[in-house]
């Protein structure tokens, strides 16, 4: 491919990327329709992403970095790891601590029931989590009574 894409090449790459990434079509099917090899379709999609023609964006309900969370989980053999997304933030340590506490409280709400017992060492982030748990789901409000400072 040339350094500067012409309109036709850019549209072909965008079409292939849209069909694969948005519509879920296989690269083999796209290749057959466009008269290309599946390897060429894969290169088109990859190059479109590298050049910024196509961007993959996640709109998650939590401020997490899914790629880094997955890497941490795989590295330590965990089922799940949540890693706070700090991109583009110049927040103070206190604000980051509160955001981590909110994230931990969300995880606890998903994992614990009122019958569970959770033991934690004291830390400022644990206090932030305890405050967030108090505001969270009713399933873990009783835990908050034991965590609150």
C-alpha atoms as a PDB file:
ATOM      1  CA  UNK A   1       0.000   0.000   0.000  1.00  0.00           C
ATOM      2  CA  UNK A   2       1.192   3.497  -0.697  1.00  0.00           C
ATOM      3  CA  UNK A   3       2.000   5.940   2.093  1.00  0.00           C
ATOM      4  CA  UNK A   4      -1.020   8.068   1.191  1.00  0.00           C
ATOM      5  CA  UNK A   5      -4.258   6.226   0.707  1.00  0.00           C
ATOM      6  CA  UNK A   6      -6.509   7.348  -2.061  1.00  0.00           C
ATOM      7  CA  UNK A   7     -10.236   7.552  -1.389  1.00  0.00           C
ATOM      8  CA  UNK A   8     -10.926   4.141  -2.889  1.00  0.00           C
ATOM      9  CA  UNK A   9      -8.320   2.395  -0.717  1.00  0.00           C
ATOM     10  CA  UNK A  10      -9.524   4.178   2.432  1.00  0.00           C
ATOM     11  CA  UNK A  11     -13.142   3.259   1.707  1.00  0.00           C
ATOM     12  CA  UNK A  12     -12.219  -0.348   1.008  1.00  0.00           C
ATOM     13  CA  UNK A  13     -10.348  -0.558   4.338  1.00  0.00           C
ATOM     14  CA  UNK A  14     -13.200   1.154   6.205  1.00  0.00           C
ATOM     15  CA  UNK A  15     -15.736  -1.189   4.619  1.00  0.00           C
ATOM     16  CA  UNK A  16     -13.741  -4.285   5.549  1.00  0.00           C
ATOM     17  CA  UNK A  17     -13.204  -3.015   9.100  1.00  0.00           C
ATOM     18  CA  UNK A  18     -16.866  -2.122   9.545  1.00  0.00           C
ATOM     19  CA  UNK A  19     -18.066  -5.463   8.281  1.00  0.00           C
ATOM     20  CA  UNK A  20     -15.647  -7.373  10.509  1.00  0.00           C
ATOM     21  CA  UNK A  21     -15.558  -5.267  13.692  1.00  0.00           C
ATOM     22  CA  UNK A  22     -19.122  -3.948  13.771  1.00  0.00           C
ATOM     23  CA  UNK A  23     -21.178  -6.490  11.870  1.00  0.00           C
ATOM     24  CA  UNK A  24     -19.129  -9.508  12.968  1.00  0.00           C
ATOM     25  CA  UNK A  25     -18.585 -10.943   9.499  1.00  0.00           C
ATOM     26  CA  UNK A  26     -15.661 -13.282   9.061  1.00  0.00           C
ATOM     27  CA  UNK A  27     -12.588 -12.142   7.153  1.00  0.00           C
ATOM     28  CA  UNK A  28     -13.086 -15.103   4.809  1.00  0.00           C
ATOM     29  CA  UNK A  29     -16.590 -13.919   3.847  1.00  0.00           C
ATOM     30  CA  UNK A  30     -15.451 -10.318   3.432  1.00  0.00           C
ATOM     31  CA  UNK A  31     -12.515 -11.440   1.302  1.00  0.00           C
ATOM     32  CA  UNK A  32     -14.796 -13.468  -0.969  1.00  0.00           C
ATOM     33  CA  UNK A  33     -17.150 -10.505  -1.443  1.00  0.00           C
ATOM     34  CA  UNK A  34     -14.327  -8.046  -2.124  1.00  0.00           C
ATOM     35  CA  UNK A  35     -12.273 -10.391  -4.295  1.00  0.00           C
ATOM     36  CA  UNK A  36      -9.317 -10.386  -1.900  1.00  0.00           C
ATOM     37  CA  UNK A  37      -7.504 -12.955   0.195  1.00  0.00           C
ATOM     38  CA  UNK A  38      -8.412 -13.163   3.873  1.00  0.00           C
ATOM     39  CA  UNK A  39      -4.817 -12.138   4.644  1.00  0.00           C
ATOM     40  CA  UNK A  40      -5.274  -8.971   2.584  1.00  0.00           C
ATOM     41  CA  UNK A  41      -8.504  -8.211   4.473  1.00  0.00           C
ATOM     42  CA  UNK A  42      -6.677  -8.706   7.788  1.00  0.00           C
ATOM     43  CA  UNK A  43      -3.911  -6.332   6.618  1.00  0.00           C
ATOM     44  CA  UNK A  44      -6.489  -3.764   5.495  1.00  0.00           C
ATOM     45  CA  UNK A  45      -8.177  -3.804   8.900  1.00  0.00           C
ATOM     46  CA  UNK A  46      -4.888  -3.698  10.789  1.00  0.00           C
ATOM     47  CA  UNK A  47      -3.511  -0.863   8.669  1.00  0.00           C
ATOM     48  CA  UNK A  48      -6.776   1.088   9.003  1.00  0.00           C
ATOM     49  CA  UNK A  49      -6.452   0.839  12.791  1.00  0.00           C
ATOM     50  CA  UNK A  50      -2.758   1.795  12.777  1.00  0.00           C
ATOM     51  CA  UNK A  51      -3.453   4.867  10.644  1.00  0.00           C
ATOM     52  CA  UNK A  52      -6.353   6.006  12.787  1.00  0.00           C
ATOM     53  CA  UNK A  53      -8.988   5.413  10.127  1.00  0.00           C
ATOM     54  CA  UNK A  54     -10.630   2.922  12.484  1.00  0.00           C
ATOM     55  CA  UNK A  55     -10.660   3.226  16.268  1.00  0.00           C
ATOM     56  CA  UNK A  56     -11.953   0.649  18.705  1.00  0.00           C
ATOM     57  CA  UNK A  57     -13.529   2.310  21.710  1.00  0.00           C
ATOM     58  CA  UNK A  58     -15.023   0.764  24.822  1.00  0.00           C
ATOM     59  CA  UNK A  59     -17.871   2.442  26.683  1.00  0.00           C
ATOM     60  CA  UNK A  60     -17.809   0.514  29.923  1.00  0.00           C
ATOM     61  CA  UNK A  61     -19.963   1.252  32.968  1.00  0.00           C
ATOM     62  CA  UNK A  62     -16.781   1.291  35.084  1.00  0.00           C
ATOM     63  CA  UNK A  63     -13.638   3.420  34.698  1.00  0.00           C
ATOM     64  CA  UNK A  64     -11.386   0.436  34.013  1.00  0.00           C
ATOM     65  CA  UNK A  65      -8.657  -0.484  31.550  1.00  0.00           C
ATOM     66  CA  UNK A  66      -9.903  -3.844  30.209  1.00  0.00           C
ATOM     67  CA  UNK A  67      -6.647  -4.732  28.451  1.00  0.00           C
ATOM     68  CA  UNK A  68      -4.474  -4.130  31.489  1.00  0.00           C
ATOM     69  CA  UNK A  69      -7.003  -5.865  33.765  1.00  0.00           C
ATOM     70  CA  UNK A  70      -6.909  -8.923  31.516  1.00  0.00           C
ATOM     71  CA  UNK A  71      -3.103  -8.911  31.497  1.00  0.00           C
ATOM     72  CA  UNK A  72      -2.954  -8.735  35.311  1.00  0.00           C
ATOM     73  CA  UNK A  73      -5.536 -11.521  35.652  1.00  0.00           C
ATOM     74  CA  UNK A  74      -3.624 -13.791  33.264  1.00  0.00           C
ATOM     75  CA  UNK A  75      -0.258 -13.008  34.875  1.00  0.00           C
ATOM     76  CA  UNK A  76      -1.510 -13.929  38.357  1.00  0.00           C
ATOM     77  CA  UNK A  77      -3.983 -16.674  37.432  1.00  0.00           C
ATOM     78  CA  UNK A  78      -7.031 -14.667  38.527  1.00  0.00           C
ATOM     79  CA  UNK A  79     -10.566 -14.938  37.219  1.00  0.00           C
ATOM     80  CA  UNK A  80     -10.885 -11.153  37.075  1.00  0.00           C
ATOM     81  CA  UNK A  81      -8.789  -8.079  37.804  1.00  0.00           C
ATOM     82  CA  UNK A  82     -10.040  -4.520  37.679  1.00  0.00           C
ATOM     83  CA  UNK A  83      -7.443  -1.867  36.885  1.00  0.00           C
ATOM     84  CA  UNK A  84      -8.454   1.758  37.245  1.00  0.00           C
ATOM     85  CA  UNK A  85      -8.219   3.683  33.980  1.00  0.00           C
ATOM     86  CA  UNK A  86      -6.079   6.703  34.829  1.00  0.00           C
ATOM     87  CA  UNK A  87      -5.713   7.892  31.248  1.00  0.00           C
ATOM     88  CA  UNK A  88      -5.881  11.649  30.818  1.00  0.00           C
ATOM     89  CA  UNK A  89      -6.263  12.362  34.520  1.00  0.00           C
ATOM     90  CA  UNK A  90      -4.273  14.711  36.638  1.00  0.00           C
ATOM     91  CA  UNK A  91      -6.201  13.777  39.744  1.00  0.00           C
ATOM     92  CA  UNK A  92      -4.820  14.023  43.257  1.00  0.00           C
ATOM     93  CA  UNK A  93      -3.976  10.936  45.267  1.00  0.00           C
ATOM     94  CA  UNK A  94      -7.126  11.461  47.312  1.00  0.00           C
ATOM     95  CA  UNK A  95      -9.332  11.481  44.213  1.00  0.00           C
ATOM     96  CA  UNK A  96      -7.579   8.394  42.820  1.00  0.00           C
ATOM     97  CA  UNK A  97      -7.968   6.663  46.196  1.00  0.00           C
ATOM     98  CA  UNK A  98     -11.708   7.399  46.114  1.00  0.00           C
ATOM     99  CA  UNK A  99     -11.985   6.115  42.546  1.00  0.00           C
ATOM    100  CA  UNK A 100     -10.165   2.896  43.519  1.00  0.00           C
ATOM    101  CA  UNK A 101     -12.462   2.597  46.543  1.00  0.00           C
ATOM    102  CA  UNK A 102     -15.520   2.960  44.293  1.00  0.00           C
ATOM    103  CA  UNK A 103     -14.153   0.320  41.956  1.00  0.00           C
ATOM    104  CA  UNK A 104     -13.419  -2.075  44.835  1.00  0.00           C
ATOM    105  CA  UNK A 105     -16.923  -1.510  46.247  1.00  0.00           C
ATOM    106  CA  UNK A 106     -18.421  -2.353  42.852  1.00  0.00           C
ATOM    107  CA  UNK A 107     -16.407  -5.569  42.747  1.00  0.00           C
ATOM    108  CA  UNK A 108     -17.499  -6.473  46.276  1.00  0.00           C
ATOM    109  CA  UNK A 109     -21.133  -5.868  45.361  1.00  0.00           C
ATOM    110  CA  UNK A 110     -20.735  -8.399  42.542  1.00  0.00           C
ATOM    111  CA  UNK A 111     -18.891 -10.997  44.606  1.00  0.00           C
ATOM    112  CA  UNK A 112     -20.290 -10.922  48.137  1.00  0.00           C
ATOM    113  CA  UNK A 113     -23.616 -11.788  49.701  1.00  0.00           C
ATOM    114  CA  UNK A 114     -24.945 -10.894  53.161  1.00  0.00           C
ATOM    115  CA  UNK A 115     -23.766 -14.315  54.398  1.00  0.00           C
ATOM    116  CA  UNK A 116     -20.136 -13.662  53.435  1.00  0.00           C
ATOM    117  CA  UNK A 117     -17.493 -12.462  55.856  1.00  0.00           C
ATOM    118  CA  UNK A 118     -14.695 -10.268  54.572  1.00  0.00           C
ATOM    119  CA  UNK A 119     -11.554  -9.440  56.510  1.00  0.00           C
ATOM    120  CA  UNK A 120      -9.390  -6.523  55.421  1.00  0.00           C
ATOM    121  CA  UNK A 121      -6.394  -4.689  56.792  1.00  0.00           C
ATOM    122  CA  UNK A 122      -6.748  -0.968  57.391  1.00  0.00           C
ATOM    123  CA  UNK A 123      -5.732   1.430  54.627  1.00  0.00           C
ATOM    124  CA  UNK A 124      -6.985   4.758  53.299  1.00  0.00           C
ATOM    125  CA  UNK A 125      -8.169   3.059  50.108  1.00  0.00           C
ATOM    126  CA  UNK A 126     -10.082   0.479  52.182  1.00  0.00           C
ATOM    127  CA  UNK A 127     -11.777   3.369  54.011  1.00  0.00           C
ATOM    128  CA  UNK A 128     -12.719   4.890  50.638  1.00  0.00           C
ATOM    129  CA  UNK A 129     -14.079   1.503  49.590  1.00  0.00           C
ATOM    130  CA  UNK A 130     -16.058   1.214  52.845  1.00  0.00           C
ATOM    131  CA  UNK A 131     -17.654   4.607  52.184  1.00  0.00           C
ATOM    132  CA  UNK A 132     -18.549   3.546  48.635  1.00  0.00           C
ATOM    133  CA  UNK A 133     -19.947   0.216  49.884  1.00  0.00           C
ATOM    134  CA  UNK A 134     -22.211   2.147  52.250  1.00  0.00           C
ATOM    135  CA  UNK A 135     -23.691   3.933  49.242  1.00  0.00           C
ATOM    136  CA  UNK A 136     -23.918   0.722  47.190  1.00  0.00           C
ATOM    137  CA  UNK A 137     -26.178  -2.306  46.977  1.00  0.00           C
ATOM    138  CA  UNK A 138     -28.292  -3.577  49.853  1.00  0.00           C
ATOM    139  CA  UNK A 139     -26.693  -7.035  49.539  1.00  0.00           C
ATOM    140  CA  UNK A 140     -23.501  -5.731  51.109  1.00  0.00           C
ATOM    141  CA  UNK A 141     -24.751  -2.910  53.380  1.00  0.00           C
ATOM    142  CA  UNK A 142     -24.300  -5.114  56.428  1.00  0.00           C
ATOM    143  CA  UNK A 143     -20.631  -5.481  55.480  1.00  0.00           C
ATOM    144  CA  UNK A 144     -20.317  -1.690  55.560  1.00  0.00           C
ATOM    145  CA  UNK A 145     -21.231  -1.627  59.248  1.00  0.00           C
ATOM    146  CA  UNK A 146     -18.119  -3.687  59.970  1.00  0.00           C
ATOM    147  CA  UNK A 147     -15.870  -1.728  57.593  1.00  0.00           C
ATOM    148  CA  UNK A 148     -16.871   1.813  58.450  1.00  0.00           C
ATOM    149  CA  UNK A 149     -14.312   3.745  60.500  1.00  0.00           C
END
